[in-house]
C-alpha atoms as a PDB file:
ATOM      1  CA  UNK A   1      83.156 124.480  32.623  1.00  0.00           C
ATOM      2  CA  UNK A   2      83.490 123.377  36.253  1.00  0.00           C
ATOM      3  CA  UNK A   3      86.713 122.454  37.992  1.00  0.00           C
ATOM      4  CA  UNK A   4      87.353 119.179  39.819  1.00  0.00           C
ATOM      5  CA  UNK A   5      86.130 119.027  43.402  1.00  0.00           C
ATOM      6  CA  UNK A   6      89.034 119.523  45.818  1.00  0.00           C
ATOM      7  CA  UNK A   7      88.430 116.287  47.723  1.00  0.00           C
ATOM      8  CA  UNK A   8      90.134 115.321  50.971  1.00  0.00           C
ATOM      9  CA  UNK A   9      89.861 111.712  52.086  1.00  0.00           C
ATOM     10  CA  UNK A  10      90.556 111.201  55.791  1.00  0.00           C
ATOM     11  CA  UNK A  11      91.385 107.683  56.944  1.00  0.00           C
ATOM     12  CA  UNK A  12      90.997 107.451  60.714  1.00  0.00           C
ATOM     13  CA  UNK A  13      92.636 104.032  60.959  1.00  0.00           C
ATOM     14  CA  UNK A  14      95.786 103.519  62.990  1.00  0.00           C
ATOM     15  CA  UNK A  15      96.763 100.421  60.985  1.00  0.00           C
ATOM     16  CA  UNK A  16      98.313  99.807  57.621  1.00  0.00           C
ATOM     17  CA  UNK A  17      97.023  97.965  55.633  1.00  0.00           C
ATOM     18  CA  UNK A  18      93.565  99.112  56.586  1.00  0.00           C
ATOM     19  CA  UNK A  19      90.081  97.871  55.711  1.00  0.00           C
ATOM     20  CA  UNK A  20      88.950 101.454  56.187  1.00  0.00           C
ATOM     21  CA  UNK A  21      91.336 102.541  53.402  1.00  0.00           C
ATOM     22  CA  UNK A  22      89.986  99.820  51.114  1.00  0.00           C
ATOM     23  CA  UNK A  23      86.449 101.120  51.693  1.00  0.00           C
ATOM     24  CA  UNK A  24      87.546 104.724  51.114  1.00  0.00           C
ATOM     25  CA  UNK A  25      89.319 103.729  47.885  1.00  0.00           C
ATOM     26  CA  UNK A  26      86.169 101.975  46.652  1.00  0.00           C
ATOM     27  CA  UNK A  27      84.097 105.078  47.363  1.00  0.00           C
ATOM     28  CA  UNK A  28      86.646 107.308  45.608  1.00  0.00           C
ATOM     29  CA  UNK A  29      86.787 105.063  42.542  1.00  0.00           C
ATOM     30  CA  UNK A  30      82.994 104.863  42.262  1.00  0.00           C
ATOM     31  CA  UNK A  31      82.681 108.632  42.631  1.00  0.00           C
ATOM     32  CA  UNK A  32      85.442 109.155  40.045  1.00  0.00           C
ATOM     33  CA  UNK A  33      83.285 107.338  37.501  1.00  0.00           C
ATOM     34  CA  UNK A  34      80.744 110.169  37.723  1.00  0.00           C
ATOM     35  CA  UNK A  35      82.606 113.279  38.939  1.00  0.00           C
ATOM     36  CA  UNK A  36      85.963 114.962  38.460  1.00  0.00           C
ATOM     37  CA  UNK A  37      87.818 114.830  41.766  1.00  0.00           C
ATOM     38  CA  UNK A  38      91.166 116.344  42.767  1.00  0.00           C
ATOM     39  CA  UNK A  39      92.010 113.994  45.655  1.00  0.00           C
ATOM     40  CA  UNK A  40      94.318 114.386  48.640  1.00  0.00           C
ATOM     41  CA  UNK A  41      94.580 111.509  51.122  1.00  0.00           C
ATOM     42  CA  UNK A  42      95.201 112.072  54.819  1.00  0.00           C
ATOM     43  CA  UNK A  43      96.038 109.085  57.008  1.00  0.00           C
ATOM     44  CA  UNK A  44      95.722 109.548  60.751  1.00  0.00           C
ATOM     45  CA  UNK A  45      98.643 107.144  61.152  1.00  0.00           C
ATOM     46  CA  UNK A  46     100.972 109.557  59.303  1.00  0.00           C
ATOM     47  CA  UNK A  47     100.179 112.351  61.791  1.00  0.00           C
ATOM     48  CA  UNK A  48     101.471 110.441  64.812  1.00  0.00           C
ATOM     49  CA  UNK A  49     102.900 110.964  67.360  1.00  0.00           C
ATOM     50  CA  UNK A  50     102.727 114.766  67.197  1.00  0.00           C
ATOM     51  CA  UNK A  51      98.956 114.988  66.738  1.00  0.00           C
ATOM     52  CA  UNK A  52      98.160 113.499  70.119  1.00  0.00           C
ATOM     53  CA  UNK A  53     100.295 116.019  71.990  1.00  0.00           C
ATOM     54  CA  UNK A  54      99.025 119.106  70.149  1.00  0.00           C
ATOM     55  CA  UNK A  55      96.513 121.341  71.897  1.00  0.00           C
ATOM     56  CA  UNK A  56      96.428 123.793  68.979  1.00  0.00           C
ATOM     57  CA  UNK A  57      97.522 123.924  65.362  1.00  0.00           C
ATOM     58  CA  UNK A  58     100.483 126.072  66.449  1.00  0.00           C
ATOM     59  CA  UNK A  59     101.954 123.003  68.159  1.00  0.00           C
ATOM     60  CA  UNK A  60     101.817 120.867  64.997  1.00  0.00           C
ATOM     61  CA  UNK A  61     104.723 120.124  62.668  1.00  0.00           C
ATOM     62  CA  UNK A  62     104.380 121.394  59.094  1.00  0.00           C
ATOM     63  CA  UNK A  63     102.973 118.182  57.577  1.00  0.00           C
ATOM     64  CA  UNK A  64     100.244 117.907  60.226  1.00  0.00           C
ATOM     65  CA  UNK A  65      99.409 121.600  59.924  1.00  0.00           C
ATOM     66  CA  UNK A  66      99.091 121.124  56.154  1.00  0.00           C
ATOM     67  CA  UNK A  67      96.651 118.258  56.750  1.00  0.00           C
ATOM     68  CA  UNK A  68      94.426 120.501  58.892  1.00  0.00           C
ATOM     69  CA  UNK A  69      94.581 123.253  56.248  1.00  0.00           C
ATOM     70  CA  UNK A  70      93.657 120.770  53.515  1.00  0.00           C
ATOM     71  CA  UNK A  71      90.600 119.645  55.499  1.00  0.00           C
ATOM     72  CA  UNK A  72      89.556 123.250  56.116  1.00  0.00           C
ATOM     73  CA  UNK A  73      89.909 124.192  52.431  1.00  0.00           C
ATOM     74  CA  UNK A  74      88.287 121.098  50.917  1.00  0.00           C
ATOM     75  CA  UNK A  75      85.284 121.335  48.617  1.00  0.00           C
ATOM     76  CA  UNK A  76      84.304 117.813  49.675  1.00  0.00           C
ATOM     77  CA  UNK A  77      85.353 115.464  52.489  1.00  0.00           C
ATOM     78  CA  UNK A  78      85.199 111.688  52.644  1.00  0.00           C
ATOM     79  CA  UNK A  79      85.842 110.566  56.216  1.00  0.00           C
ATOM     80  CA  UNK A  80      86.325 106.943  57.166  1.00  0.00           C
ATOM     81  CA  UNK A  81      86.828 105.517  60.621  1.00  0.00           C
ATOM     82  CA  UNK A  82      87.363 102.115  62.142  1.00  0.00           C
ATOM     83  CA  UNK A  83      85.056 101.410  65.066  1.00  0.00           C
ATOM     84  CA  UNK A  84      86.515 100.135  68.328  1.00  0.00           C
ATOM     85  CA  UNK A  85      84.206  99.262  71.221  1.00  0.00           C
ATOM     86  CA  UNK A  86      81.312 101.230  69.741  1.00  0.00           C
ATOM     87  CA  UNK A  87      83.334 104.381  69.123  1.00  0.00           C
ATOM     88  CA  UNK A  88      85.632 106.186  66.734  1.00  0.00           C
ATOM     89  CA  UNK A  89      89.340 106.531  67.625  1.00  0.00           C
ATOM     90  CA  UNK A  90      89.981 109.375  70.028  1.00  0.00           C
ATOM     91  CA  UNK A  91      92.781 110.678  67.804  1.00  0.00           C
ATOM     92  CA  UNK A  92      90.388 111.036  64.871  1.00  0.00           C
ATOM     93  CA  UNK A  93      88.111 113.143  67.054  1.00  0.00           C
ATOM     94  CA  UNK A  94      91.171 115.106  68.216  1.00  0.00           C
ATOM     95  CA  UNK A  95      92.150 115.790  64.598  1.00  0.00           C
ATOM     96  CA  UNK A  96      88.795 117.478  64.066  1.00  0.00           C
ATOM     97  CA  UNK A  97      89.113 119.271  67.420  1.00  0.00           C
ATOM     98  CA  UNK A  98      91.970 121.184  65.741  1.00  0.00           C
ATOM     99  CA  UNK A  99      89.902 122.147  62.668  1.00  0.00           C
ATOM    100  CA  UNK A 100      88.515 125.690  62.737  1.00  0.00           C
ATOM    101  CA  UNK A 101      84.879 125.460  63.838  1.00  0.00           C
ATOM    102  CA  UNK A 102      83.671 127.620  60.920  1.00  0.00           C
ATOM    103  CA  UNK A 103      85.805 126.090  58.178  1.00  0.00           C
ATOM    104  CA  UNK A 104      83.453 123.253  57.182  1.00  0.00           C
ATOM    105  CA  UNK A 105      80.222 125.246  57.072  1.00  0.00           C
ATOM    106  CA  UNK A 106      78.247 123.794  54.142  1.00  0.00           C
ATOM    107  CA  UNK A 107      81.031 121.411  53.075  1.00  0.00           C
ATOM    108  CA  UNK A 108      79.606 118.085  51.867  1.00  0.00           C
ATOM    109  CA  UNK A 109      80.895 115.100  53.851  1.00  0.00           C
ATOM    110  CA  UNK A 110      80.498 111.432  52.964  1.00  0.00           C
ATOM    111  CA  UNK A 111      80.805 109.191  56.036  1.00  0.00           C
ATOM    112  CA  UNK A 112      82.216 105.665  56.109  1.00  0.00           C
ATOM    113  CA  UNK A 113      83.216 103.196  58.808  1.00  0.00           C
ATOM    114  CA  UNK A 114      84.481  99.660  59.290  1.00  0.00           C
ATOM    115  CA  UNK A 115      84.026  97.438  62.297  1.00  0.00           C
ATOM    116  CA  UNK A 116      84.080  93.878  63.553  1.00  0.00           C
ATOM    117  CA  UNK A 117      80.339  93.293  63.270  1.00  0.00           C
ATOM    118  CA  UNK A 118      77.106  94.922  62.187  1.00  0.00           C
ATOM    119  CA  UNK A 119      76.537  95.882  65.860  1.00  0.00           C
ATOM    120  CA  UNK A 120      78.684  98.973  65.279  1.00  0.00           C
ATOM    121  CA  UNK A 121      77.024 100.240  62.086  1.00  0.00           C
ATOM    122  CA  UNK A 122      75.039 102.956  63.870  1.00  0.00           C
ATOM    123  CA  UNK A 123      78.223 104.686  65.048  1.00  0.00           C
ATOM    124  CA  UNK A 124      78.052 106.588  61.748  1.00  0.00           C
ATOM    125  CA  UNK A 125      74.720 108.076  62.858  1.00  0.00           C
ATOM    126  CA  UNK A 126      75.496 108.456  66.567  1.00  0.00           C
ATOM    127  CA  UNK A 127      79.067 109.790  66.484  1.00  0.00           C
ATOM    128  CA  UNK A 128      80.257 110.815  63.021  1.00  0.00           C
ATOM    129  CA  UNK A 129      77.129 112.594  61.810  1.00  0.00           C
ATOM    130  CA  UNK A 130      76.757 114.682  65.017  1.00  0.00           C
ATOM    131  CA  UNK A 131      80.446 115.626  64.852  1.00  0.00           C
ATOM    132  CA  UNK A 132      80.026 117.113  61.376  1.00  0.00           C
ATOM    133  CA  UNK A 133      76.681 118.630  62.286  1.00  0.00           C
ATOM    134  CA  UNK A 134      78.573 120.647  64.896  1.00  0.00           C
ATOM    135  CA  UNK A 135      80.674 122.072  62.054  1.00  0.00           C
ATOM    136  CA  UNK A 136      77.451 122.783  60.102  1.00  0.00           C
ATOM    137  CA  UNK A 137      78.803 120.585  57.333  1.00  0.00           C
ATOM    138  CA  UNK A 138      76.448 118.954  54.857  1.00  0.00           C
ATOM    139  CA  UNK A 139      76.574 115.242  55.694  1.00  0.00           C
ATOM    140  CA  UNK A 140      75.424 113.279  52.664  1.00  0.00           C
ATOM    141  CA  UNK A 141      72.258 111.173  52.970  1.00  0.00           C
ATOM    142  CA  UNK A 142      73.665 107.737  53.712  1.00  0.00           C
ATOM    143  CA  UNK A 143      76.979 106.490  54.987  1.00  0.00           C
ATOM    144  CA  UNK A 144      78.723 103.215  54.253  1.00  0.00           C
ATOM    145  CA  UNK A 145      79.644 100.626  56.869  1.00  0.00           C
ATOM    146  CA  UNK A 146      81.622  97.436  56.218  1.00  0.00           C
ATOM    147  CA  UNK A 147      82.590  94.342  58.203  1.00  0.00           C
ATOM    148  CA  UNK A 148      85.646  92.065  57.810  1.00  0.00           C
ATOM    149  CA  UNK A 149      83.507  89.559  55.880  1.00  0.00           C
ATOM    150  CA  UNK A 150      82.827  92.218  53.237  1.00  0.00           C
ATOM    151  CA  UNK A 151      86.445  93.340  52.761  1.00  0.00           C
ATOM    152  CA  UNK A 152      89.052  90.635  52.407  1.00  0.00           C
ATOM    153  CA  UNK A 153      92.605  90.587  51.056  1.00  0.00           C
ATOM    154  CA  UNK A 154      92.489  94.293  50.314  1.00  0.00           C
ATOM    155  CA  UNK A 155      89.314  94.172  48.227  1.00  0.00           C
ATOM    156  CA  UNK A 156      85.582  94.680  48.613  1.00  0.00           C
ATOM    157  CA  UNK A 157      84.322  91.115  48.226  1.00  0.00           C
ATOM    158  CA  UNK A 158      80.643  91.588  49.063  1.00  0.00           C
ATOM    159  CA  UNK A 159      78.155  92.256  46.277  1.00  0.00           C
ATOM    160  CA  UNK A 160      75.797  93.797  48.845  1.00  0.00           C
ATOM    161  CA  UNK A 161      78.512  96.246  49.950  1.00  0.00           C
ATOM    162  CA  UNK A 162      79.289  97.122  46.318  1.00  0.00           C
ATOM    163  CA  UNK A 163      75.594  97.859  45.763  1.00  0.00           C
ATOM    164  CA  UNK A 164      75.473  99.988  48.914  1.00  0.00           C
ATOM    165  CA  UNK A 165      78.534 101.957  47.762  1.00  0.00           C
ATOM    166  CA  UNK A 166      76.872 102.537  44.388  1.00  0.00           C
ATOM    167  CA  UNK A 167      73.598 103.625  46.015  1.00  0.00           C
ATOM    168  CA  UNK A 168      75.501 106.012  48.306  1.00  0.00           C
ATOM    169  CA  UNK A 169      77.335 107.524  45.338  1.00  0.00           C
ATOM    170  CA  UNK A 170      74.129 107.791  43.299  1.00  0.00           C
ATOM    171  CA  UNK A 171      72.577 109.849  46.102  1.00  0.00           C
ATOM    172  CA  UNK A 172      75.714 111.945  46.607  1.00  0.00           C
ATOM    173  CA  UNK A 173      76.454 112.835  42.982  1.00  0.00           C
ATOM    174  CA  UNK A 174      73.537 115.261  42.374  1.00  0.00           C
ATOM    175  CA  UNK A 175      74.484 117.206  45.506  1.00  0.00           C
ATOM    176  CA  UNK A 176      78.170 117.234  44.616  1.00  0.00           C
ATOM    177  CA  UNK A 177      77.511 118.144  40.982  1.00  0.00           C
ATOM    178  CA  UNK A 178      75.384 121.097  42.100  1.00  0.00           C
ATOM    179  CA  UNK A 179      78.210 122.301  44.362  1.00  0.00           C
ATOM    180  CA  UNK A 180      80.800 121.700  41.656  1.00  0.00           C
ATOM    181  CA  UNK A 181      78.987 123.872  39.111  1.00  0.00           C
ATOM    182  CA  UNK A 182      79.005 126.791  41.570  1.00  0.00           C
ATOM    183  CA  UNK A 183      82.712 126.630  42.412  1.00  0.00           C
ATOM    184  CA  UNK A 184      84.945 129.403  41.073  1.00  0.00           C
ATOM    185  CA  UNK A 185      87.454 128.213  38.519  1.00  0.00           C
ATOM    186  CA  UNK A 186      91.043 128.138  39.738  1.00  0.00           C
ATOM    187  CA  UNK A 187      93.482 130.572  38.142  1.00  0.00           C
ATOM    188  CA  UNK A 188      95.357 127.771  36.369  1.00  0.00           C
ATOM    189  CA  UNK A 189      92.152 126.617  34.685  1.00  0.00           C
ATOM    190  CA  UNK A 190      91.313 130.179  33.649  1.00  0.00           C
ATOM    191  CA  UNK A 191      94.833 130.701  32.310  1.00  0.00           C
ATOM    192  CA  UNK A 192      94.670 127.470  30.309  1.00  0.00           C
ATOM    193  CA  UNK A 193      91.384 128.528  28.756  1.00  0.00           C
ATOM    194  CA  UNK A 194      92.777 131.943  27.847  1.00  0.00           C
ATOM    195  CA  UNK A 195      95.867 130.459  26.146  1.00  0.00           C
END
């Protein structure tokens, strides 16, 4: 018996409501259809203003420090970012500047982004993927990018985007399932089985 994947979803948007969050929720729900996930959500917006002034984790308040620890201890990360002027928000990059450089070694990461037009879609490949390559994380084969036309009124409205999400999940699940079967069971699961 395998335990649920300890999944941390990082929303790099500085707005609420957020199209990025809608995309992340769609990915989570589609993954949940095929895998057991134990999900924790981290919103960049909830870490302000302290995050921007912190040069180390020692300077963070408890809730922000807990967010960093959750990222470092995750079995699986889903990271979504809005794209502004062909780049990810500086504060999202700064969040990962505070993550221990060895903590994500081998951790699978699914990348997602939203932007104003298809012109920004390659930011996933040119900025997000290299960032997680630095950490020696395992970035999953394809990321998901969405435009305002594809997410409206808090919902994914594009059939093409839904298909892309499904294709992304279909490619991710075998990798995640393989990792999940190798994870040690948590004590609570072991205790429940022994009872």
